[in-house]
C-alpha atoms as a PDB file:
ATOM      1  CA  MET A   1     148.081  81.506  53.562  1.00  0.00           C
ATOM      2  CA  ASP A   2     148.330  78.850  50.861  1.00  0.00           C
ATOM      3  CA  ALA A   3     145.715  76.261  49.955  1.00  0.00           C
ATOM      4  CA  PRO A   4     146.022  73.300  52.370  1.00  0.00           C
ATOM      5  CA  PHE A   5     146.996  70.924  49.525  1.00  0.00           C
ATOM      6  CA  PRO A   6     147.626  70.996  45.775  1.00  0.00           C
ATOM      7  CA  VAL A   7     144.466  71.965  43.899  1.00  0.00           C
ATOM      8  CA  PRO A   8     143.674  71.049  40.274  1.00  0.00           C
ATOM      9  CA  ALA A   9     144.478  73.622  37.624  1.00  0.00           C
ATOM     10  CA  ARG A  10     141.386  72.643  35.673  1.00  0.00           C
ATOM     11  CA  ILE A  11     138.568  70.138  36.120  1.00  0.00           C
ATOM     12  CA  GLU A  12     136.925  68.327  33.218  1.00  0.00           C
ATOM     13  CA  GLY A  13     133.788  66.219  32.909  1.00  0.00           C
ATOM     14  CA  PRO A  14     129.988  66.548  32.714  1.00  0.00           C
ATOM     15  CA  SER A  15     129.864  68.690  35.867  1.00  0.00           C
ATOM     16  CA  VAL A  16     131.512  71.489  33.848  1.00  0.00           C
ATOM     17  CA  TRP A  17     128.926  73.300  31.758  1.00  0.00           C
ATOM     18  CA  TYR A  18     127.970  76.814  30.676  1.00  0.00           C
ATOM     19  CA  GLY A  19     124.467  78.226  30.585  1.00  0.00           C
ATOM     20  CA  SER A  20     124.928  79.516  27.050  1.00  0.00           C
ATOM     21  CA  GLN A  21     125.336  75.893  25.940  1.00  0.00           C
ATOM     22  CA  MET A  22     122.635  74.368  28.133  1.00  0.00           C
ATOM     23  CA  ALA A  23     120.016  76.926  27.042  1.00  0.00           C
ATOM     24  CA  SER A  24     119.874  75.324  23.595  1.00  0.00           C
ATOM     25  CA  SER A  25     119.417  71.818  25.017  1.00  0.00           C
ATOM     26  CA  GLU A  26     116.569  70.077  26.792  1.00  0.00           C
ATOM     27  CA  ASN A  27     118.486  67.041  28.019  1.00  0.00           C
ATOM     28  CA  TRP A  28     117.984  68.389  31.543  1.00  0.00           C
ATOM     29  CA  ILE A  29     114.169  68.388  31.250  1.00  0.00           C
ATOM     30  CA  TYR A  30     112.012  65.325  31.782  1.00  0.00           C
ATOM     31  CA  ARG A  31     108.408  65.742  30.666  1.00  0.00           C
ATOM     32  CA  LEU A  32     105.976  63.536  32.501  1.00  0.00           C
ATOM     33  CA  THR A  33     103.977  61.278  30.188  1.00  0.00           C
ATOM     34  CA  ARG A  34     100.293  60.522  30.630  1.00  0.00           C
ATOM     35  CA  PHE A  35     101.362  57.106  31.907  1.00  0.00           C
ATOM     36  CA  ASP A  36     103.599  58.796  34.517  1.00  0.00           C
ATOM     37  CA  VAL A  37     100.730  61.008  35.670  1.00  0.00           C
ATOM     38  CA  ALA A  38      98.403  57.999  35.839  1.00  0.00           C
ATOM     39  CA  GLU A  39     100.983  56.213  37.989  1.00  0.00           C
ATOM     40  CA  ILE A  40     101.283  59.251  40.286  1.00  0.00           C
ATOM     41  CA  ASP A  41      97.494  59.442  40.600  1.00  0.00           C
ATOM     42  CA  ALA A  42      97.329  55.733  41.445  1.00  0.00           C
ATOM     43  CA  ALA A  43      99.997  56.118  44.127  1.00  0.00           C
ATOM     44  CA  LEU A  44      98.150  59.119  45.588  1.00  0.00           C
ATOM     45  CA  LYS A  45      94.853  57.196  45.624  1.00  0.00           C
ATOM     46  CA  SER A  46      96.492  54.200  47.313  1.00  0.00           C
ATOM     47  CA  PHE A  47      98.182  56.413  49.905  1.00  0.00           C
ATOM     48  CA  LYS A  48      94.880  58.052  50.831  1.00  0.00           C
ATOM     49  CA  GLN A  49      92.928  54.770  50.847  1.00  0.00           C
ATOM     50  CA  HIS A  50      95.371  53.296  53.341  1.00  0.00           C
ATOM     51  CA  ASP A  51      94.762  56.335  55.557  1.00  0.00           C
ATOM     52  CA  PHE A  52      98.488  57.005  55.782  1.00  0.00           C
ATOM     53  CA  GLN A  53      99.738  60.230  57.371  1.00  0.00           C
ATOM     54  CA  ILE A  54     102.212  62.508  55.599  1.00  0.00           C
ATOM     55  CA  ALA A  55     104.927  61.284  57.977  1.00  0.00           C
ATOM     56  CA  ASP A  56     104.392  57.771  56.559  1.00  0.00           C
ATOM     57  CA  ILE A  57     105.561  58.729  53.067  1.00  0.00           C
ATOM     58  CA  ASN A  58     108.374  56.638  51.659  1.00  0.00           C
ATOM     59  CA  ALA A  59     109.147  54.797  48.434  1.00  0.00           C
ATOM     60  CA  THR A  60     107.030  51.839  49.580  1.00  0.00           C
ATOM     61  CA  THR A  61     103.906  53.733  50.657  1.00  0.00           C
ATOM     62  CA  PHE A  62     104.102  55.843  47.473  1.00  0.00           C
ATOM     63  CA  PRO A  63     105.004  53.232  44.814  1.00  0.00           C
ATOM     64  CA  LEU A  64     105.761  54.523  41.324  1.00  0.00           C
ATOM     65  CA  GLU A  65     107.020  51.392  39.531  1.00  0.00           C
ATOM     66  CA  SER A  66     108.107  52.500  36.024  1.00  0.00           C
ATOM     67  CA  LEU A  67     108.469  56.192  36.964  1.00  0.00           C
ATOM     68  CA  ALA A  68     110.788  55.110  39.788  1.00  0.00           C
ATOM     69  CA  ASN A  69     113.224  53.829  37.156  1.00  0.00           C
ATOM     70  CA  GLN A  70     113.215  57.252  35.496  1.00  0.00           C
ATOM     71  CA  LEU A  71     113.777  58.921  38.870  1.00  0.00           C
ATOM     72  CA  HIS A  72     116.770  56.649  39.530  1.00  0.00           C
ATOM     73  CA  SER A  73     118.201  57.721  36.153  1.00  0.00           C
ATOM     74  CA  ILE A  74     117.618  61.381  37.057  1.00  0.00           C
ATOM     75  CA  LEU A  75     119.328  60.829  40.422  1.00  0.00           C
ATOM     76  CA  HIS A  76     122.370  59.380  38.653  1.00  0.00           C
ATOM     77  CA  ASP A  77     122.586  62.470  36.427  1.00  0.00           C
ATOM     78  CA  LEU A  78     122.196  64.719  39.477  1.00  0.00           C
ATOM     79  CA  LEU A  79     125.071  63.031  41.292  1.00  0.00           C
ATOM     80  CA  HIS A  80     127.390  62.158  38.411  1.00  0.00           C
ATOM     81  CA  GLY A  81     126.281  64.291  35.454  1.00  0.00           C
ATOM     82  CA  HIS A  82     125.439  67.956  35.002  1.00  0.00           C
ATOM     83  CA  GLY A  83     123.906  68.137  38.497  1.00  0.00           C
ATOM     84  CA  PHE A  84     120.410  69.491  37.832  1.00  0.00           C
ATOM     85  CA  PHE A  85     117.077  68.409  36.389  1.00  0.00           C
ATOM     86  CA  LEU A  86     113.629  69.831  35.754  1.00  0.00           C
ATOM     87  CA  ILE A  87     110.590  67.548  35.810  1.00  0.00           C
ATOM     88  CA  ARG A  88     107.721  69.203  33.950  1.00  0.00           C
ATOM     89  CA  GLY A  89     104.098  68.337  33.317  1.00  0.00           C
ATOM     90  CA  LEU A  90     102.511  67.654  36.704  1.00  0.00           C
ATOM     91  CA  PRO A  91      98.898  68.928  36.330  1.00  0.00           C
ATOM     92  CA  ILE A  92      99.065  70.881  39.566  1.00  0.00           C
ATOM     93  CA  ASP A  93      95.567  72.399  39.255  1.00  0.00           C
ATOM     94  CA  ARG A  94      94.126  68.899  39.576  1.00  0.00           C
ATOM     95  CA  TYR A  95      95.268  68.568  43.181  1.00  0.00           C
ATOM     96  CA  SER A  96      94.649  70.229  46.526  1.00  0.00           C
ATOM     97  CA  GLU A  97      97.695  71.729  48.216  1.00  0.00           C
ATOM     98  CA  GLN A  98      97.856  68.743  50.561  1.00  0.00           C
ATOM     99  CA  GLU A  99      97.665  66.304  47.632  1.00  0.00           C
ATOM    100  CA  ALA A 100     100.413  68.212  45.806  1.00  0.00           C
ATOM    101  CA  ALA A 101     102.567  67.970  48.946  1.00  0.00           C
ATOM    102  CA  ILE A 102     101.968  64.212  49.186  1.00  0.00           C
ATOM    103  CA  ILE A 103     102.914  63.756  45.524  1.00  0.00           C
ATOM    104  CA  TYR A 104     106.051  65.847  45.852  1.00  0.00           C
ATOM    105  CA  LEU A 105     107.156  64.066  48.994  1.00  0.00           C
ATOM    106  CA  GLY A 106     106.412  60.731  47.349  1.00  0.00           C
ATOM    107  CA  ILE A 107     108.605  61.581  44.373  1.00  0.00           C
ATOM    108  CA  GLY A 108     111.317  62.945  46.681  1.00  0.00           C
ATOM    109  CA  ALA A 109     111.282  59.722  48.723  1.00  0.00           C
ATOM    110  CA  HIS A 110     112.535  57.872  45.633  1.00  0.00           C
ATOM    111  CA  LEU A 111     115.580  60.188  45.533  1.00  0.00           C
ATOM    112  CA  GLY A 112     116.710  60.391  49.173  1.00  0.00           C
ATOM    113  CA  SER A 113     115.816  60.840  52.827  1.00  0.00           C
ATOM    114  CA  PHE A 114     114.157  64.060  53.997  1.00  0.00           C
ATOM    115  CA  ARG A 115     116.271  66.541  55.963  1.00  0.00           C
ATOM    116  CA  SER A 116     115.243  69.348  58.320  1.00  0.00           C
ATOM    117  CA  GLN A 117     115.327  72.746  56.601  1.00  0.00           C
ATOM    118  CA  ASN A 118     115.215  75.008  59.644  1.00  0.00           C
ATOM    119  CA  ALA A 119     115.256  75.092  63.444  1.00  0.00           C
ATOM    120  CA  LYS A 120     111.552  74.158  63.529  1.00  0.00           C
ATOM    121  CA  GLY A 121     112.364  70.828  61.880  1.00  0.00           C
ATOM    122  CA  HIS A 122     110.361  71.376  58.695  1.00  0.00           C
ATOM    123  CA  LEU A 123     110.960  68.448  56.334  1.00  0.00           C
ATOM    124  CA  LEU A 124     108.626  70.087  53.820  1.00  0.00           C
ATOM    125  CA  GLY A 125     109.651  73.693  53.266  1.00  0.00           C
ATOM    126  CA  HIS A 126     107.685  76.628  51.895  1.00  0.00           C
ATOM    127  CA  VAL A 127     109.329  79.321  49.797  1.00  0.00           C
ATOM    128  CA  ARG A 128     107.047  82.338  50.041  1.00  0.00           C
ATOM    129  CA  ASP A 129     107.363  86.023  50.744  1.00  0.00           C
ATOM    130  CA  LEU A 130     106.354  86.422  54.388  1.00  0.00           C
ATOM    131  CA  GLY A 131     107.367  90.088  54.526  1.00  0.00           C
ATOM    132  CA  ALA A 132     110.251  89.198  56.837  1.00  0.00           C
ATOM    133  CA  ASP A 133     112.995  91.751  57.538  1.00  0.00           C
ATOM    134  CA  ILE A 134     116.316  90.404  56.242  1.00  0.00           C
ATOM    135  CA  ARG A 135     118.122  92.636  58.759  1.00  0.00           C
ATOM    136  CA  ASN A 136     116.761  90.353  61.471  1.00  0.00           C
ATOM    137  CA  GLY A 137     119.469  87.806  62.346  1.00  0.00           C
ATOM    138  CA  GLY A 138     117.017  84.905  62.143  1.00  0.00           C
ATOM    139  CA  THR A 139     115.487  85.781  58.780  1.00  0.00           C
ATOM    140  CA  ARG A 140     116.250  83.575  55.794  1.00  0.00           C
ATOM    141  CA  TYR A 141     116.273  85.079  52.298  1.00  0.00           C
ATOM    142  CA  TYR A 142     113.622  82.676  50.976  1.00  0.00           C
ATOM    143  CA  GLN A 143     111.121  84.377  53.335  1.00  0.00           C
ATOM    144  CA  THR A 144     111.356  87.591  51.282  1.00  0.00           C
ATOM    145  CA  ASN A 145     110.799  88.693  47.673  1.00  0.00           C
ATOM    146  CA  LYS A 146     114.388  89.892  47.332  1.00  0.00           C
ATOM    147  CA  GLN A 147     116.919  88.678  44.820  1.00  0.00           C
ATOM    148  CA  LEU A 148     119.087  85.861  46.112  1.00  0.00           C
ATOM    149  CA  GLU A 149     122.797  85.842  45.394  1.00  0.00           C
ATOM    150  CA  TYR A 150     124.291  82.620  44.097  1.00  0.00           C
ATOM    151  CA  HIS A 151     124.587  80.142  46.937  1.00  0.00           C
ATOM    152  CA  THR A 152     124.207  76.502  47.979  1.00  0.00           C
ATOM    153  CA  ASP A 153     121.916  74.928  50.573  1.00  0.00           C
ATOM    154  CA  SER A 154     123.053  72.712  53.455  1.00  0.00           C
ATOM    155  CA  CYS A 155     122.114  69.356  51.975  1.00  0.00           C
ATOM    156  CA  ASP A 156     123.067  67.063  49.104  1.00  0.00           C
ATOM    157  CA  ILE A 157     120.034  67.756  46.895  1.00  0.00           C
ATOM    158  CA  VAL A 158     117.527  70.604  47.033  1.00  0.00           C
ATOM    159  CA  GLY A 159     114.202  70.315  45.265  1.00  0.00           C
ATOM    160  CA  LEU A 160     111.488  72.858  44.492  1.00  0.00           C
ATOM    161  CA  LEU A 161     107.905  72.333  43.317  1.00  0.00           C
ATOM    162  CA  CYS A 162     106.100  75.377  41.930  1.00  0.00           C
ATOM    163  CA  LEU A 163     102.525  75.603  43.198  1.00  0.00           C
ATOM    164  CA  LYS A 164     101.958  79.207  42.122  1.00  0.00           C
ATOM    165  CA  ALA A 165     104.197  81.563  40.135  1.00  0.00           C
ATOM    166  CA  ALA A 166     104.792  85.243  40.911  1.00  0.00           C
ATOM    167  CA  ARG A 167     103.068  88.022  38.990  1.00  0.00           C
ATOM    168  CA  SER A 168     106.482  88.863  37.534  1.00  0.00           C
ATOM    169  CA  GLY A 169     110.101  87.939  38.248  1.00  0.00           C
ATOM    170  CA  GLY A 170     111.258  85.168  40.553  1.00  0.00           C
ATOM    171  CA  GLU A 171     113.248  83.549  37.773  1.00  0.00           C
ATOM    172  CA  SER A 172     115.530  80.682  38.810  1.00  0.00           C
ATOM    173  CA  ARG A 173     119.210  80.943  37.825  1.00  0.00           C
ATOM    174  CA  ILE A 174     121.726  78.163  38.268  1.00  0.00           C
ATOM    175  CA  LEU A 175     125.383  77.636  37.389  1.00  0.00           C
ATOM    176  CA  SER A 176     128.065  74.984  37.559  1.00  0.00           C
ATOM    177  CA  SER A 177     130.308  75.750  40.534  1.00  0.00           C
ATOM    178  CA  VAL A 178     132.937  73.561  38.847  1.00  0.00           C
ATOM    179  CA  ALA A 179     132.929  75.762  35.732  1.00  0.00           C
ATOM    180  CA  LEU A 180     133.044  78.788  38.044  1.00  0.00           C
ATOM    181  CA  TYR A 181     136.104  77.306  39.769  1.00  0.00           C
ATOM    182  CA  ASN A 182     137.810  76.759  36.397  1.00  0.00           C
ATOM    183  CA  GLU A 183     137.217  80.388  35.468  1.00  0.00           C
ATOM    184  CA  MET A 184     138.586  81.663  38.785  1.00  0.00           C
ATOM    185  CA  ARG A 185     141.576  79.320  38.690  1.00  0.00           C
ATOM    186  CA  ALA A 186     142.492  80.414  35.158  1.00  0.00           C
ATOM    187  CA  ARG A 187     142.078  84.152  35.740  1.00  0.00           C
ATOM    188  CA  TYR A 188     142.726  84.666  39.453  1.00  0.00           C
ATOM    189  CA  PRO A 189     144.649  81.632  40.791  1.00  0.00           C
ATOM    190  CA  GLU A 190     145.549  83.269  44.111  1.00  0.00           C
ATOM    191  CA  LEU A 191     141.896  84.086  44.819  1.00  0.00           C
ATOM    192  CA  ALA A 192     140.760  80.629  43.744  1.00  0.00           C
ATOM    193  CA  GLU A 193     143.222  79.016  46.153  1.00  0.00           C
ATOM    194  CA  ALA A 194     142.058  81.297  48.975  1.00  0.00           C
ATOM    195  CA  LEU A 195     138.594  79.761  48.694  1.00  0.00           C
ATOM    196  CA  PHE A 196     140.024  76.472  49.980  1.00  0.00           C
ATOM    197  CA  HIS A 197     140.552  78.197  53.364  1.00  0.00           C
ATOM    198  CA  ALA A 198     137.891  77.775  56.070  1.00  0.00           C
ATOM    199  CA  TYR A 199     135.497  80.757  56.100  1.00  0.00           C
ATOM    200  CA  PRO A 200     133.389  81.523  59.196  1.00  0.00           C
ATOM    201  CA  THR A 201     129.731  81.385  58.101  1.00  0.00           C
ATOM    202  CA  ASP A 202     126.736  82.702  60.078  1.00  0.00           C
ATOM    203  CA  ARG A 203     124.226  80.051  61.211  1.00  0.00           C
ATOM    204  CA  ARG A 204     121.491  82.737  61.321  1.00  0.00           C
ATOM    205  CA  GLY A 205     120.535  81.812  64.872  1.00  0.00           C
ATOM    206  CA  GLU A 206     120.138  78.082  64.170  1.00  0.00           C
ATOM    207  CA  VAL A 207     122.859  76.784  66.498  1.00  0.00           C
ATOM    208  CA  PRO A 208     123.282  73.052  67.307  1.00  0.00           C
ATOM    209  CA  VAL A 209     124.257  71.951  70.816  1.00  0.00           C
ATOM    210  CA  GLY A 210     127.843  72.835  71.727  1.00  0.00           C
ATOM    211  CA  MET A 211     128.464  74.789  68.510  1.00  0.00           C
ATOM    212  CA  ASP A 212     129.388  78.407  67.852  1.00  0.00           C
ATOM    213  CA  PRO A 213     126.818  80.652  66.130  1.00  0.00           C
ATOM    214  CA  TRP A 214     128.928  80.259  63.010  1.00  0.00           C
ATOM    215  CA  PHE A 215     130.642  77.302  61.356  1.00  0.00           C
ATOM    216  CA  ASP A 216     134.044  77.282  59.635  1.00  0.00           C
ATOM    217  CA  MET A 217     133.980  75.802  56.143  1.00  0.00           C
ATOM    218  CA  PRO A 218     136.038  76.131  52.953  1.00  0.00           C
ATOM    219  CA  VAL A 219     134.039  77.319  49.956  1.00  0.00           C
ATOM    220  CA  PHE A 220     135.924  74.928  47.680  1.00  0.00           C
ATOM    221  CA  ASN A 221     136.739  71.415  48.876  1.00  0.00           C
ATOM    222  CA  TRP A 222     138.822  68.964  46.830  1.00  0.00           C
ATOM    223  CA  TYR A 223     138.112  65.480  48.180  1.00  0.00           C
ATOM    224  CA  ALA A 224     137.991  61.965  46.703  1.00  0.00           C
ATOM    225  CA  GLY A 225     138.661  63.394  43.258  1.00  0.00           C
ATOM    226  CA  GLU A 226     135.669  65.771  43.327  1.00  0.00           C
ATOM    227  CA  LEU A 227     135.276  69.515  43.801  1.00  0.00           C
ATOM    228  CA  THR A 228     132.548  70.140  46.366  1.00  0.00           C
ATOM    229  CA  THR A 229     131.345  73.708  46.883  1.00  0.00           C
ATOM    230  CA  ILE A 230     129.413  75.166  49.829  1.00  0.00           C
ATOM    231  CA  TYR A 231     128.765  78.905  49.787  1.00  0.00           C
ATOM    232  CA  VAL A 232     126.450  81.606  51.119  1.00  0.00           C
ATOM    233  CA  GLY A 233     128.256  84.907  50.679  1.00  0.00           C
ATOM    234  CA  GLN A 234     125.787  86.957  52.716  1.00  0.00           C
ATOM    235  CA  TYR A 235     126.310  84.701  55.719  1.00  0.00           C
ATOM    236  CA  ILE A 236     130.096  84.778  55.445  1.00  0.00           C
ATOM    237  CA  ARG A 237     129.940  88.572  55.493  1.00  0.00           C
ATOM    238  CA  SER A 238     127.422  88.707  58.351  1.00  0.00           C
ATOM    239  CA  ALA A 239     129.654  86.409  60.426  1.00  0.00           C
ATOM    240  CA  GLN A 240     132.405  89.031  60.115  1.00  0.00           C
ATOM    241  CA  GLN A 241     129.985  91.744  61.251  1.00  0.00           C
ATOM    242  CA  ASN A 242     128.206  89.886  64.027  1.00  0.00           C
ATOM    243  CA  PHE A 243     130.773  87.622  65.685  1.00  0.00           C
ATOM    244  CA  PRO A 244     134.010  89.247  66.906  1.00  0.00           C
ATOM    245  CA  ARG A 245     135.373  85.846  67.953  1.00  0.00           C
ATOM    246  CA  ALA A 246     135.099  84.454  64.428  1.00  0.00           C
ATOM    247  CA  ARG A 247     138.386  84.454  62.515  1.00  0.00           C
ATOM    248  CA  ARG A 248     138.989  87.738  60.700  1.00  0.00           C
ATOM    249  CA  LEU A 249     139.250  87.227  56.954  1.00  0.00           C
ATOM    250  CA  THR A 250     142.294  88.548  55.134  1.00  0.00           C
ATOM    251  CA  ASP A 251     142.059  91.085  52.323  1.00  0.00           C
ATOM    252  CA  THR A 252     142.783  88.280  49.859  1.00  0.00           C
ATOM    253  CA  GLU A 253     139.989  86.115  51.263  1.00  0.00           C
ATOM    254  CA  LEU A 254     137.517  88.994  51.123  1.00  0.00           C
ATOM    255  CA  ALA A 255     138.590  89.728  47.570  1.00  0.00           C
ATOM    256  CA  ALA A 256     138.075  86.034  46.736  1.00  0.00           C
ATOM    257  CA  ILE A 257     134.390  85.968  47.713  1.00  0.00           C
ATOM    258  CA  ASP A 258     133.837  89.322  45.998  1.00  0.00           C
ATOM    259  CA  MET A 259     135.327  87.890  42.814  1.00  0.00           C
ATOM    260  CA  LEU A 260     133.295  84.694  43.173  1.00  0.00           C
ATOM    261  CA  ASP A 261     130.124  86.802  43.273  1.00  0.00           C
ATOM    262  CA  GLN A 262     131.275  88.922  40.350  1.00  0.00           C
ATOM    263  CA  LEU A 263     132.170  85.988  38.099  1.00  0.00           C
ATOM    264  CA  SER A 264     128.973  84.124  38.945  1.00  0.00           C
ATOM    265  CA  ASN A 265     127.017  86.951  37.305  1.00  0.00           C
ATOM    266  CA  GLU A 266     129.023  86.962  34.079  1.00  0.00           C
ATOM    267  CA  ALA A 267     127.007  86.481  30.917  1.00  0.00           C
ATOM    268  CA  GLY A 268     127.117  82.965  29.536  1.00  0.00           C
ATOM    269  CA  LEU A 269     127.924  81.153  32.780  1.00  0.00           C
ATOM    270  CA  SER A 270     124.449  80.724  34.271  1.00  0.00           C
ATOM    271  CA  LEU A 271     121.269  79.110  32.996  1.00  0.00           C
ATOM    272  CA  LYS A 272     117.968  80.934  33.447  1.00  0.00           C
ATOM    273  CA  MET A 273     114.938  78.796  34.145  1.00  0.00           C
ATOM    274  CA  ASP A 274     111.290  79.831  34.313  1.00  0.00           C
ATOM    275  CA  PHE A 275     109.210  78.134  36.988  1.00  0.00           C
ATOM    276  CA  LEU A 276     105.771  77.082  35.766  1.00  0.00           C
ATOM    277  CA  PRO A 277     103.121  75.687  38.112  1.00  0.00           C
ATOM    278  CA  GLY A 278     103.765  71.948  38.409  1.00  0.00           C
ATOM    279  CA  ASP A 279     107.486  72.201  37.623  1.00  0.00           C
ATOM    280  CA  MET A 280     109.868  70.278  39.903  1.00  0.00           C
ATOM    281  CA  GLN A 281     113.515  71.373  39.971  1.00  0.00           C
ATOM    282  CA  PHE A 282     116.235  69.266  41.605  1.00  0.00           C
ATOM    283  CA  LEU A 283     119.803  70.529  42.146  1.00  0.00           C
ATOM    284  CA  HIS A 284     122.967  68.831  43.423  1.00  0.00           C
ATOM    285  CA  ASN A 285     124.273  71.450  45.847  1.00  0.00           C
ATOM    286  CA  HIS A 286     127.841  70.161  45.764  1.00  0.00           C
ATOM    287  CA  GLN A 287     128.240  71.169  42.104  1.00  0.00           C
ATOM    288  CA  ILE A 288     125.422  73.667  41.464  1.00  0.00           C
ATOM    289  CA  MET A 289     124.944  77.186  42.822  1.00  0.00           C
ATOM    290  CA  HIS A 290     121.523  78.778  42.504  1.00  0.00           C
ATOM    291  CA  SER A 291     119.920  82.185  42.788  1.00  0.00           C
ATOM    292  CA  ARG A 292     116.623  83.917  42.173  1.00  0.00           C
ATOM    293  CA  THR A 293     115.665  87.308  40.790  1.00  0.00           C
ATOM    294  CA  ASP A 294     113.481  89.816  42.642  1.00  0.00           C
ATOM    295  CA  PHE A 295     109.801  89.227  42.122  1.00  0.00           C
ATOM    296  CA  GLU A 296     106.533  91.136  42.281  1.00  0.00           C
ATOM    297  CA  ASP A 297     103.734  89.120  43.797  1.00  0.00           C
ATOM    298  CA  TRP A 298      99.999  89.110  43.240  1.00  0.00           C
ATOM    299  CA  PRO A 299      97.971  91.210  45.706  1.00  0.00           C
ATOM    300  CA  GLU A 300      95.510  88.376  46.379  1.00  0.00           C
ATOM    301  CA  PRO A 301      96.790  86.008  49.117  1.00  0.00           C
ATOM    302  CA  GLU A 302      95.509  82.923  47.305  1.00  0.00           C
ATOM    303  CA  ARG A 303      97.534  83.792  44.179  1.00  0.00           C
ATOM    304  CA  LYS A 304     100.878  84.577  45.835  1.00  0.00           C
ATOM    305  CA  ARG A 305     104.063  82.852  44.658  1.00  0.00           C
ATOM    306  CA  HIS A 306     104.423  79.583  46.538  1.00  0.00           C
ATOM    307  CA  LEU A 307     107.017  76.836  46.144  1.00  0.00           C
ATOM    308  CA  LEU A 308     107.407  73.641  48.143  1.00  0.00           C
ATOM    309  CA  ARG A 309     110.982  72.693  48.982  1.00  0.00           C
ATOM    310  CA  LEU A 310     112.758  69.461  49.879  1.00  0.00           C
ATOM    311  CA  TRP A 311     116.238  68.853  51.241  1.00  0.00           C
ATOM    312  CA  LEU A 312     117.311  65.317  50.405  1.00  0.00           C
ATOM    313  CA  ALA A 313     120.167  62.975  51.312  1.00  0.00           C
ATOM    314  CA  PRO A 314     120.580  60.118  48.792  1.00  0.00           C
ATOM    315  CA  LEU A 315     122.250  56.886  49.857  1.00  0.00           C
ATOM    316  CA  ALA A 316     124.500  57.170  46.795  1.00  0.00           C
ATOM    317  CA  GLY A 317     125.766  60.639  47.782  1.00  0.00           C
ATOM    318  CA  ARG A 318     129.418  61.468  47.172  1.00  0.00           C
ATOM    319  CA  PRO A 319     132.055  61.191  49.929  1.00  0.00           C
ATOM    320  CA  LEU A 320     132.443  64.416  51.905  1.00  0.00           C
ATOM    321  CA  PRO A 321     135.437  65.581  53.974  1.00  0.00           C
ATOM    322  CA  ASP A 322     135.143  65.524  57.759  1.00  0.00           C
ATOM    323  CA  VAL A 323     134.890  69.308  57.917  1.00  0.00           C
ATOM    324  CA  PHE A 324     131.312  69.047  56.578  1.00  0.00           C
ATOM    325  CA  ALA A 325     130.173  67.482  59.861  1.00  0.00           C
ATOM    326  CA  ALA A 326     130.220  70.965  61.424  1.00  0.00           C
ATOM    327  CA  ARG A 327     127.321  71.910  59.148  1.00  0.00           C
ATOM    328  CA  TYR A 328     125.841  68.593  57.988  1.00  0.00           C
ATOM    329  CA  GLY A 329     125.898  66.918  61.419  1.00  0.00           C
ATOM    330  CA  SER A 330     127.420  63.836  59.788  1.00  0.00           C
ATOM    331  CA  THR A 331     129.183  62.910  56.570  1.00  0.00           C
ATOM    332  CA  GLN A 332     127.367  59.573  56.233  1.00  0.00           C
ATOM    333  CA  ALA A 333     125.613  59.370  52.864  1.00  0.00           C
ATOM    334  CA  GLY A 334     121.850  59.066  53.248  1.00  0.00           C
ATOM    335  CA  ASP A 335     121.878  60.521  56.767  1.00  0.00           C
ATOM    336  CA  ARG A 336     123.471  63.958  56.574  1.00  0.00           C
ATOM    337  CA  GLY A 337     122.604  67.583  56.022  1.00  0.00           C
ATOM    338  CA  GLY A 338     119.807  69.657  57.425  1.00  0.00           C
ATOM    339  CA  ILE A 339     119.453  71.700  60.598  1.00  0.00           C
ATOM    340  CA  ILE A 340     118.949  70.260  64.076  1.00  0.00           C
ATOM    341  CA  VAL A 341     119.088  72.497  67.154  1.00  0.00           C
ATOM    342  CA  PRO A 342     117.770  72.219  70.729  1.00  0.00           C
ATOM    343  CA  GLY A 343     113.985  71.921  70.577  1.00  0.00           C
ATOM    344  CA  THR A 344     113.825  70.845  66.926  1.00  0.00           C
ATOM    345  CA  ARG A 345     110.916  68.492  66.238  1.00  0.00           C
ATOM    346  CA  LEU A 346     110.793  66.946  62.789  1.00  0.00           C
ATOM    347  CA  THR A 347     107.515  67.684  61.060  1.00  0.00           C
ATOM    348  CA  PHE A 348     105.884  68.011  57.645  1.00  0.00           C
ATOM    349  CA  SER A 349     104.296  71.442  57.847  1.00  0.00           C
ATOM    350  CA  LEU A 350     101.574  72.416  55.361  1.00  0.00           C
ATOM    351  CA  GLU A 351     101.747  76.040  56.463  1.00  0.00           C
ATOM    352  CA  PRO A 352     104.332  78.529  55.062  1.00  0.00           C
ATOM    353  CA  ASN A 353     105.670  79.898  58.357  1.00  0.00           C
END
């Protein structure tokens, strides 16, 4: 089976980068100034004085004025540059967990609309080890302390705010999926082309109305002059195990995802990033794959590793091919991505469950 259309031999531009180069640069870090923090504190105070609810958060109810201009610049780099950014310097110990959530949502509202992250409709996600069994078909990897393989999430932009770091481990690793494509295309062109085929991918029990318990999606998508990647290797493999009606992958296609995993772990390709309390990481899923190392947590419940997560859909998001509607619900920029199933009720949950 050939690729459905001619694919580029090599892609150039700012979306192509190597971790060995980025590690010596800080042009992907924005350090909040004291004026930024004062502006955040003023927005938080105003939000609380108006007796707004968390569901009322938007760019108007959480005004940031000059910091908003910096966030718009960061959004442009996310969508058209290297595809990731770290905002550092939020004095997280100054705030309650609810206040930190309000701040994070307020900042996120200047980047895009909030999308549901699971069947429960959580617009504010919690990344925490809940002791869940990954062998359970409904368990998501972020509910464990296990290493995550390189993958993308089902939204345009994913954001994380570190409330508490692990005792050890839990290091964030990211890579350019465009650079990864270039490497595969140069070394293993047949396998690279196979990744433009539609792969059945497990929905992990989160099934929209009228849909199969898997969706069919190419890993690599060449559309409107951009390479867009969507990939969760574990869920492609579990779809083969769990759903006999899903298309059986060929030996070449299986070899392609094995090679994708292998190359993604090559030295020099990825960038390692420590998460400090108060750090905010934003990634453009269409051009960035991310993973996490195993971690050891603190024994005390109040000290356990805890990240807040956002899935965002910016109005300026890139065009997506129609096939993305099977997972994103729509391809309309600003109103796509996330998970909606029967019974989903959109909510901002402050509890990690």
